[in-house]
N, C-alpha and C. Protein backbone atom coordinates (compact mmCIF):
# COMPACT_ATOMS: atom_id res chain seq x y z
N MET A 1 -1.15 64.68 -35.73
CA MET A 1 -0.95 65.50 -34.55
C MET A 1 -2.27 65.55 -33.78
N ARG A 2 -2.19 65.50 -32.47
CA ARG A 2 -3.40 65.63 -31.64
C ARG A 2 -3.57 67.11 -31.28
N ILE A 3 -4.75 67.63 -31.61
CA ILE A 3 -5.05 69.04 -31.38
C ILE A 3 -6.31 69.15 -30.54
N ALA A 4 -6.21 69.84 -29.41
CA ALA A 4 -7.35 70.08 -28.54
C ALA A 4 -8.08 71.32 -29.03
N VAL A 5 -9.41 71.25 -29.07
CA VAL A 5 -10.21 72.40 -29.46
C VAL A 5 -11.27 72.65 -28.39
N GLY A 6 -11.58 73.93 -28.22
CA GLY A 6 -12.61 74.29 -27.26
C GLY A 6 -13.17 75.65 -27.60
N SER A 7 -14.41 75.87 -27.15
CA SER A 7 -15.06 77.15 -27.41
C SER A 7 -16.19 77.37 -26.43
N ASP A 8 -16.60 78.63 -26.36
CA ASP A 8 -17.85 78.93 -25.69
C ASP A 8 -18.96 78.88 -26.73
N HIS A 9 -20.16 79.31 -26.36
CA HIS A 9 -21.30 79.27 -27.26
C HIS A 9 -21.10 80.15 -28.50
N ALA A 10 -20.46 81.31 -28.34
CA ALA A 10 -20.24 82.21 -29.48
C ALA A 10 -19.27 81.62 -30.48
N GLY A 11 -18.32 80.86 -30.01
CA GLY A 11 -17.31 80.26 -30.89
C GLY A 11 -17.66 78.87 -31.39
N LEU A 12 -18.79 78.34 -30.94
CA LEU A 12 -19.15 76.96 -31.28
C LEU A 12 -19.18 76.66 -32.78
N PRO A 13 -19.89 77.44 -33.60
CA PRO A 13 -19.90 77.10 -35.03
C PRO A 13 -18.50 77.14 -35.66
N LEU A 14 -17.69 78.10 -35.27
CA LEU A 14 -16.33 78.18 -35.81
C LEU A 14 -15.50 76.99 -35.34
N LYS A 15 -15.61 76.66 -34.06
CA LYS A 15 -14.86 75.50 -33.54
C LYS A 15 -15.24 74.23 -34.27
N GLU A 16 -16.52 74.02 -34.49
CA GLU A 16 -16.97 72.81 -35.18
C GLU A 16 -16.43 72.76 -36.61
N SER A 17 -16.46 73.89 -37.29
CA SER A 17 -15.93 73.96 -38.65
C SER A 17 -14.43 73.64 -38.67
N LEU A 18 -13.69 74.23 -37.73
CA LEU A 18 -12.24 74.00 -37.67
C LEU A 18 -11.92 72.56 -37.26
N ALA A 19 -12.72 71.98 -36.37
CA ALA A 19 -12.51 70.59 -35.95
C ALA A 19 -12.67 69.66 -37.15
N THR A 20 -13.65 69.94 -37.99
CA THR A 20 -13.85 69.14 -39.20
C THR A 20 -12.65 69.29 -40.13
N GLN A 21 -12.18 70.52 -40.31
CA GLN A 21 -10.99 70.78 -41.14
C GLN A 21 -9.79 70.00 -40.62
N LEU A 22 -9.60 70.03 -39.31
CA LEU A 22 -8.47 69.33 -38.71
C LEU A 22 -8.57 67.82 -38.92
N ALA A 23 -9.75 67.27 -38.67
CA ALA A 23 -9.95 65.83 -38.84
C ALA A 23 -9.76 65.43 -40.30
N ASP A 24 -10.30 66.24 -41.21
CA ASP A 24 -10.14 65.95 -42.63
C ASP A 24 -8.67 66.03 -43.05
N GLY A 25 -7.88 66.80 -42.32
CA GLY A 25 -6.46 66.93 -42.59
C GLY A 25 -5.62 65.84 -41.93
N GLY A 26 -6.29 64.88 -41.29
CA GLY A 26 -5.59 63.75 -40.69
C GLY A 26 -5.19 63.93 -39.24
N HIS A 27 -5.63 65.01 -38.62
CA HIS A 27 -5.28 65.25 -37.22
C HIS A 27 -6.27 64.54 -36.29
N ASP A 28 -5.79 64.19 -35.12
CA ASP A 28 -6.62 63.63 -34.07
C ASP A 28 -7.15 64.81 -33.26
N VAL A 29 -8.46 65.01 -33.28
CA VAL A 29 -9.07 66.16 -32.63
C VAL A 29 -9.63 65.76 -31.27
N LEU A 30 -9.19 66.47 -30.25
CA LEU A 30 -9.71 66.29 -28.90
C LEU A 30 -10.66 67.46 -28.63
N ASP A 31 -11.95 67.23 -28.79
CA ASP A 31 -12.95 68.29 -28.65
C ASP A 31 -13.36 68.38 -27.19
N LEU A 32 -13.01 69.50 -26.56
CA LEU A 32 -13.28 69.68 -25.13
C LEU A 32 -14.49 70.57 -24.87
N GLY A 33 -15.30 70.77 -25.90
CA GLY A 33 -16.56 71.48 -25.72
C GLY A 33 -16.46 72.96 -26.02
N THR A 34 -17.54 73.56 -25.91
CA THR A 34 -18.89 73.16 -25.66
C THR A 34 -19.47 72.50 -26.91
N ASP A 35 -20.57 71.79 -26.71
CA ASP A 35 -21.22 71.16 -27.85
C ASP A 35 -22.67 71.62 -27.99
N ARG A 36 -23.01 72.68 -27.24
CA ARG A 36 -24.38 73.22 -27.28
C ARG A 36 -24.34 74.74 -27.46
N PRO A 37 -25.36 75.31 -28.05
CA PRO A 37 -25.38 76.77 -28.24
C PRO A 37 -25.81 77.56 -26.99
N ASP A 38 -26.12 76.86 -25.90
CA ASP A 38 -26.50 77.54 -24.66
C ASP A 38 -25.32 78.34 -24.11
N SER A 39 -25.60 79.44 -23.48
CA SER A 39 -24.57 80.30 -22.91
C SER A 39 -23.72 79.54 -21.88
N VAL A 40 -22.41 79.61 -22.07
CA VAL A 40 -21.45 78.98 -21.16
C VAL A 40 -20.32 79.96 -20.90
N ASP A 41 -19.46 79.63 -19.96
CA ASP A 41 -18.36 80.51 -19.58
C ASP A 41 -17.07 80.09 -20.28
N TYR A 42 -16.54 80.99 -21.11
CA TYR A 42 -15.35 80.68 -21.92
C TYR A 42 -14.13 80.26 -21.10
N PRO A 43 -13.91 80.76 -19.86
CA PRO A 43 -12.70 80.31 -19.15
C PRO A 43 -12.65 78.79 -18.92
N ASP A 44 -13.82 78.17 -18.77
CA ASP A 44 -13.84 76.73 -18.54
C ASP A 44 -13.26 75.96 -19.73
N TYR A 45 -13.60 76.38 -20.92
CA TYR A 45 -13.16 75.68 -22.12
C TYR A 45 -11.73 76.03 -22.50
N ALA A 46 -11.36 77.28 -22.30
CA ALA A 46 -9.98 77.70 -22.56
C ALA A 46 -9.03 76.98 -21.59
N ALA A 47 -9.44 76.85 -20.34
CA ALA A 47 -8.61 76.14 -19.36
C ALA A 47 -8.48 74.67 -19.73
N ALA A 48 -9.56 74.06 -20.18
CA ALA A 48 -9.51 72.65 -20.57
C ALA A 48 -8.53 72.44 -21.72
N VAL A 49 -8.56 73.32 -22.70
CA VAL A 49 -7.62 73.22 -23.82
C VAL A 49 -6.19 73.46 -23.32
N GLY A 50 -6.01 74.48 -22.49
CA GLY A 50 -4.68 74.78 -21.95
C GLY A 50 -4.11 73.62 -21.16
N VAL A 51 -4.90 73.01 -20.31
CA VAL A 51 -4.44 71.88 -19.52
C VAL A 51 -4.09 70.69 -20.43
N ALA A 52 -4.90 70.46 -21.44
CA ALA A 52 -4.61 69.36 -22.37
C ALA A 52 -3.27 69.57 -23.06
N VAL A 53 -2.98 70.80 -23.46
CA VAL A 53 -1.71 71.09 -24.12
C VAL A 53 -0.55 71.03 -23.12
N ALA A 54 -0.70 71.66 -21.98
CA ALA A 54 0.38 71.70 -20.99
C ALA A 54 0.71 70.31 -20.45
N SER A 55 -0.28 69.45 -20.37
CA SER A 55 -0.06 68.10 -19.83
C SER A 55 0.45 67.12 -20.88
N GLY A 56 0.41 67.52 -22.15
CA GLY A 56 0.85 66.63 -23.21
C GLY A 56 -0.24 65.77 -23.81
N ARG A 57 -1.48 65.91 -23.33
CA ARG A 57 -2.59 65.16 -23.96
C ARG A 57 -2.82 65.61 -25.39
N ALA A 58 -2.43 66.85 -25.69
CA ALA A 58 -2.52 67.39 -27.05
C ALA A 58 -1.24 68.15 -27.34
N GLU A 59 -0.84 68.18 -28.59
CA GLU A 59 0.37 68.89 -28.97
C GLU A 59 0.12 70.38 -29.12
N LEU A 60 -1.05 70.72 -29.63
CA LEU A 60 -1.45 72.12 -29.82
C LEU A 60 -2.91 72.27 -29.47
N GLY A 61 -3.35 73.53 -29.33
CA GLY A 61 -4.75 73.80 -29.03
C GLY A 61 -5.29 74.93 -29.86
N ILE A 62 -6.61 74.93 -30.01
CA ILE A 62 -7.31 76.01 -30.69
C ILE A 62 -8.54 76.34 -29.85
N CYS A 63 -8.67 77.63 -29.52
CA CYS A 63 -9.80 78.10 -28.73
C CYS A 63 -10.56 79.17 -29.50
N CYS A 64 -11.87 79.15 -29.39
CA CYS A 64 -12.70 80.15 -30.05
C CYS A 64 -13.72 80.71 -29.06
N CYS A 65 -13.91 82.01 -29.13
CA CYS A 65 -15.01 82.67 -28.44
C CYS A 65 -15.45 83.81 -29.36
N GLY A 66 -16.25 84.74 -28.85
CA GLY A 66 -16.73 85.81 -29.71
C GLY A 66 -15.61 86.64 -30.32
N THR A 67 -14.67 87.06 -29.49
CA THR A 67 -13.57 87.90 -29.98
C THR A 67 -12.22 87.19 -29.96
N GLY A 68 -12.11 86.11 -29.22
CA GLY A 68 -10.83 85.43 -29.03
C GLY A 68 -10.05 86.00 -27.85
N ILE A 69 -10.45 87.15 -27.38
CA ILE A 69 -9.73 87.81 -26.29
C ILE A 69 -9.88 87.03 -24.98
N GLY A 70 -11.12 86.71 -24.62
CA GLY A 70 -11.36 86.02 -23.36
C GLY A 70 -10.66 84.68 -23.27
N VAL A 71 -10.75 83.88 -24.34
CA VAL A 71 -10.10 82.57 -24.29
C VAL A 71 -8.59 82.70 -24.25
N SER A 72 -8.05 83.74 -24.90
CA SER A 72 -6.59 83.90 -24.86
C SER A 72 -6.13 84.28 -23.45
N ILE A 73 -6.86 85.15 -22.79
CA ILE A 73 -6.51 85.53 -21.41
C ILE A 73 -6.60 84.30 -20.50
N ALA A 74 -7.69 83.56 -20.61
CA ALA A 74 -7.90 82.40 -19.73
C ALA A 74 -6.87 81.30 -20.00
N ALA A 75 -6.64 80.97 -21.25
CA ALA A 75 -5.69 79.89 -21.58
C ALA A 75 -4.29 80.24 -21.09
N ASN A 76 -3.93 81.51 -21.16
CA ASN A 76 -2.59 81.93 -20.73
C ASN A 76 -2.38 81.84 -19.22
N LYS A 77 -3.40 81.59 -18.48
CA LYS A 77 -3.26 81.40 -17.03
C LYS A 77 -2.76 80.01 -16.69
N VAL A 78 -2.80 79.10 -17.65
CA VAL A 78 -2.32 77.73 -17.44
C VAL A 78 -0.80 77.72 -17.66
N PRO A 79 -0.02 77.38 -16.65
CA PRO A 79 1.44 77.35 -16.83
C PRO A 79 1.84 76.45 -18.00
N GLY A 80 2.74 76.95 -18.80
CA GLY A 80 3.21 76.20 -19.97
C GLY A 80 2.46 76.52 -21.24
N VAL A 81 1.39 77.28 -21.13
CA VAL A 81 0.61 77.66 -22.31
C VAL A 81 1.06 79.03 -22.80
N ARG A 82 1.22 79.12 -24.10
CA ARG A 82 1.47 80.40 -24.77
C ARG A 82 0.37 80.54 -25.81
N ALA A 83 -0.74 81.12 -25.37
CA ALA A 83 -1.91 81.29 -26.23
C ALA A 83 -1.81 82.63 -26.95
N ALA A 84 -2.07 82.61 -28.24
CA ALA A 84 -1.97 83.82 -29.05
C ALA A 84 -3.28 84.08 -29.78
N LEU A 85 -3.75 85.29 -29.68
CA LEU A 85 -4.91 85.74 -30.43
C LEU A 85 -4.45 86.13 -31.82
N ALA A 86 -5.04 85.53 -32.83
CA ALA A 86 -4.68 85.84 -34.21
C ALA A 86 -5.90 86.34 -34.96
N HIS A 87 -5.66 87.28 -35.86
CA HIS A 87 -6.74 87.86 -36.66
C HIS A 87 -6.60 87.52 -38.14
N ASP A 88 -5.50 86.87 -38.50
CA ASP A 88 -5.24 86.60 -39.90
C ASP A 88 -4.11 85.57 -40.02
N VAL A 89 -3.76 85.25 -41.24
CA VAL A 89 -2.72 84.26 -41.50
C VAL A 89 -1.37 84.71 -40.93
N THR A 90 -1.05 85.97 -41.11
CA THR A 90 0.25 86.47 -40.67
C THR A 90 0.41 86.37 -39.16
N THR A 91 -0.59 86.81 -38.41
CA THR A 91 -0.45 86.76 -36.95
C THR A 91 -0.45 85.32 -36.45
N ALA A 92 -1.18 84.43 -37.10
CA ALA A 92 -1.16 83.02 -36.70
C ALA A 92 0.21 82.40 -36.96
N ARG A 93 0.77 82.67 -38.12
CA ARG A 93 2.10 82.13 -38.47
C ARG A 93 3.17 82.67 -37.53
N LEU A 94 3.15 83.97 -37.30
CA LEU A 94 4.17 84.59 -36.44
C LEU A 94 4.02 84.17 -34.98
N ALA A 95 2.82 83.85 -34.57
CA ALA A 95 2.62 83.37 -33.20
C ALA A 95 3.45 82.10 -32.95
N ARG A 96 3.50 81.24 -33.96
CA ARG A 96 4.31 80.01 -33.83
C ARG A 96 5.79 80.31 -34.06
N GLN A 97 6.10 81.07 -35.10
CA GLN A 97 7.50 81.31 -35.46
C GLN A 97 8.24 82.13 -34.43
N HIS A 98 7.63 83.18 -33.91
CA HIS A 98 8.33 84.10 -33.00
C HIS A 98 8.02 83.86 -31.53
N ASN A 99 6.81 83.39 -31.24
CA ASN A 99 6.38 83.27 -29.85
C ASN A 99 6.23 81.83 -29.38
N ASP A 100 6.49 80.88 -30.26
CA ASP A 100 6.34 79.46 -29.93
C ASP A 100 4.99 79.19 -29.29
N ALA A 101 3.95 79.85 -29.82
CA ALA A 101 2.59 79.67 -29.29
C ALA A 101 2.17 78.22 -29.46
N ASN A 102 1.48 77.71 -28.45
CA ASN A 102 0.98 76.35 -28.53
C ASN A 102 -0.54 76.29 -28.49
N VAL A 103 -1.19 77.44 -28.34
CA VAL A 103 -2.65 77.54 -28.43
C VAL A 103 -2.98 78.75 -29.30
N LEU A 104 -3.79 78.52 -30.31
CA LEU A 104 -4.26 79.58 -31.20
C LEU A 104 -5.66 79.98 -30.77
N CYS A 105 -5.89 81.28 -30.60
CA CYS A 105 -7.19 81.78 -30.19
C CYS A 105 -7.78 82.63 -31.32
N LEU A 106 -9.05 82.38 -31.60
CA LEU A 106 -9.72 83.05 -32.71
C LEU A 106 -11.07 83.59 -32.27
N GLY A 107 -11.44 84.72 -32.85
CA GLY A 107 -12.73 85.34 -32.56
C GLY A 107 -13.74 85.06 -33.65
N ALA A 108 -14.79 84.34 -33.30
CA ALA A 108 -15.81 83.98 -34.27
C ALA A 108 -16.57 85.20 -34.79
N ARG A 109 -16.64 86.24 -33.98
CA ARG A 109 -17.36 87.45 -34.39
C ARG A 109 -16.46 88.47 -35.07
N THR A 110 -15.17 88.18 -35.13
CA THR A 110 -14.24 89.18 -35.68
C THR A 110 -13.57 88.73 -36.98
N ILE A 111 -13.52 87.43 -37.23
CA ILE A 111 -12.98 86.95 -38.50
C ILE A 111 -13.94 85.92 -39.06
N GLY A 112 -13.95 85.79 -40.35
CA GLY A 112 -14.82 84.81 -40.99
C GLY A 112 -14.23 83.43 -40.99
N PRO A 113 -15.03 82.45 -41.37
CA PRO A 113 -14.56 81.06 -41.36
C PRO A 113 -13.42 80.81 -42.34
N LEU A 114 -13.39 81.49 -43.48
CA LEU A 114 -12.30 81.28 -44.43
C LEU A 114 -10.98 81.77 -43.87
N VAL A 115 -10.98 82.97 -43.29
CA VAL A 115 -9.76 83.50 -42.69
C VAL A 115 -9.33 82.62 -41.52
N ALA A 116 -10.28 82.19 -40.72
CA ALA A 116 -9.96 81.31 -39.59
C ALA A 116 -9.33 80.01 -40.08
N SER A 117 -9.88 79.44 -41.12
CA SER A 117 -9.35 78.21 -41.68
C SER A 117 -7.92 78.39 -42.19
N GLU A 118 -7.69 79.48 -42.88
CA GLU A 118 -6.35 79.77 -43.38
C GLU A 118 -5.37 80.05 -42.25
N ALA A 119 -5.86 80.72 -41.20
CA ALA A 119 -5.01 81.00 -40.04
C ALA A 119 -4.60 79.71 -39.34
N VAL A 120 -5.53 78.79 -39.19
CA VAL A 120 -5.22 77.50 -38.57
C VAL A 120 -4.18 76.75 -39.40
N ALA A 121 -4.35 76.74 -40.71
CA ALA A 121 -3.38 76.07 -41.58
C ALA A 121 -1.99 76.69 -41.43
N ALA A 122 -1.93 78.02 -41.36
CA ALA A 122 -0.64 78.70 -41.20
C ALA A 122 -0.03 78.38 -39.84
N PHE A 123 -0.83 78.37 -38.79
CA PHE A 123 -0.38 78.06 -37.44
C PHE A 123 0.22 76.65 -37.39
N LEU A 124 -0.47 75.70 -37.99
CA LEU A 124 -0.03 74.30 -37.94
C LEU A 124 1.22 74.05 -38.77
N SER A 125 1.39 74.80 -39.84
CA SER A 125 2.53 74.55 -40.72
C SER A 125 3.80 75.29 -40.28
N ALA A 126 3.64 76.29 -39.43
CA ALA A 126 4.78 77.08 -38.98
C ALA A 126 5.54 76.35 -37.87
N THR A 127 6.82 76.66 -37.75
CA THR A 127 7.63 76.12 -36.67
C THR A 127 8.37 77.26 -35.97
N PHE A 128 8.72 77.02 -34.74
CA PHE A 128 9.42 78.02 -33.95
C PHE A 128 10.78 78.31 -34.56
N ALA A 129 11.08 79.58 -34.74
CA ALA A 129 12.32 80.00 -35.39
C ALA A 129 13.53 79.91 -34.47
N GLY A 130 13.31 79.89 -33.16
CA GLY A 130 14.45 79.84 -32.23
C GLY A 130 15.27 81.11 -32.31
N GLY A 131 16.59 80.97 -32.19
CA GLY A 131 17.47 82.14 -32.26
C GLY A 131 17.12 83.18 -31.21
N ARG A 132 17.07 84.43 -31.62
CA ARG A 132 16.78 85.52 -30.68
C ARG A 132 15.42 85.35 -30.00
N HIS A 133 14.52 84.63 -30.67
CA HIS A 133 13.19 84.43 -30.10
C HIS A 133 13.22 83.47 -28.91
N ALA A 134 14.16 82.55 -28.91
CA ALA A 134 14.28 81.59 -27.80
C ALA A 134 14.59 82.31 -26.49
N ARG A 135 15.41 83.34 -26.57
CA ARG A 135 15.74 84.11 -25.37
C ARG A 135 14.47 84.72 -24.76
N ARG A 136 13.62 85.17 -25.60
CA ARG A 136 12.37 85.80 -25.12
C ARG A 136 11.41 84.78 -24.54
N ILE A 137 11.35 83.62 -25.14
CA ILE A 137 10.49 82.56 -24.61
C ILE A 137 11.02 82.10 -23.25
N ASP A 138 12.33 82.05 -23.10
CA ASP A 138 12.92 81.72 -21.80
C ASP A 138 12.50 82.74 -20.75
N LYS A 139 12.44 83.99 -21.12
CA LYS A 139 12.00 85.02 -20.17
C LYS A 139 10.54 84.83 -19.78
N ILE A 140 9.72 84.41 -20.72
CA ILE A 140 8.32 84.12 -20.41
C ILE A 140 8.24 82.94 -19.44
N ARG A 141 9.03 81.91 -19.67
CA ARG A 141 9.05 80.76 -18.75
C ARG A 141 9.47 81.18 -17.35
N ARG A 142 10.44 82.06 -17.26
CA ARG A 142 10.88 82.55 -15.94
C ARG A 142 9.77 83.35 -15.27
N LEU A 143 9.01 84.10 -16.04
CA LEU A 143 7.87 84.83 -15.47
C LEU A 143 6.87 83.86 -14.84
N GLU A 144 6.62 82.76 -15.52
CA GLU A 144 5.71 81.75 -14.99
C GLU A 144 6.24 81.17 -13.68
N GLU A 145 7.53 80.90 -13.64
CA GLU A 145 8.13 80.28 -12.46
C GLU A 145 8.16 81.23 -11.28
N LYS A 146 8.52 82.47 -11.53
CA LYS A 146 8.67 83.45 -10.45
C LYS A 146 7.37 84.17 -10.12
N GLY A 147 6.50 84.27 -11.08
CA GLY A 147 5.27 85.01 -10.86
C GLY A 147 5.40 86.48 -11.18
N SER A 148 6.61 86.98 -11.21
CA SER A 148 6.84 88.37 -11.61
C SER A 148 8.32 88.56 -11.86
N GLY A 149 8.64 89.63 -12.53
CA GLY A 149 10.05 89.94 -12.81
C GLY A 149 10.57 89.13 -13.97
N VAL A 150 11.60 89.63 -14.59
CA VAL A 150 12.22 88.95 -15.72
C VAL A 150 13.65 88.71 -15.38
C-alpha cells in the first residue's frame, strides 16, 4: 500500500520513526516532508498529504505535529479527506471502522512512539464497517459538496 506521510518540525522524529515502520512492513512510503528540524508551518505538510490521498497518489496518509490537532484541521480542508486525530489504538481503529478515515493524525508531544506505532498498525489493519456508518459518511460528503447543511 502507498502511504503518504508528512509532519512539521515537532512531528518530524515521530514521522521518521513511523515511515521506517511502514517501509519495514512492506509499504511504499511517500514522504512529503518536512525533513529538517527547522520551524515550519504544519498546514503545508498536512495539505500535501491530504492532496496525495484525495488525488489517489496515496491510499492513506499519516500526519504528525506537536498535538495532531493542527494537522487534522488542515488536512480536513482538502475535499475527500477524512482526517482523524487518534490518541491510542482504539481511536485509530475506530477512525477507520466507523469514520472511514483516510488520514491518521498523531501528536508527537501527546503520545509516545510505541503508542503511535501501535495506533498506525491498528489504523492500517482496520476496514470500514459500512452499514449505519455509511449513511453518516454520505452526509459528510454532502457537506463537502454543499459547503453547509446536511
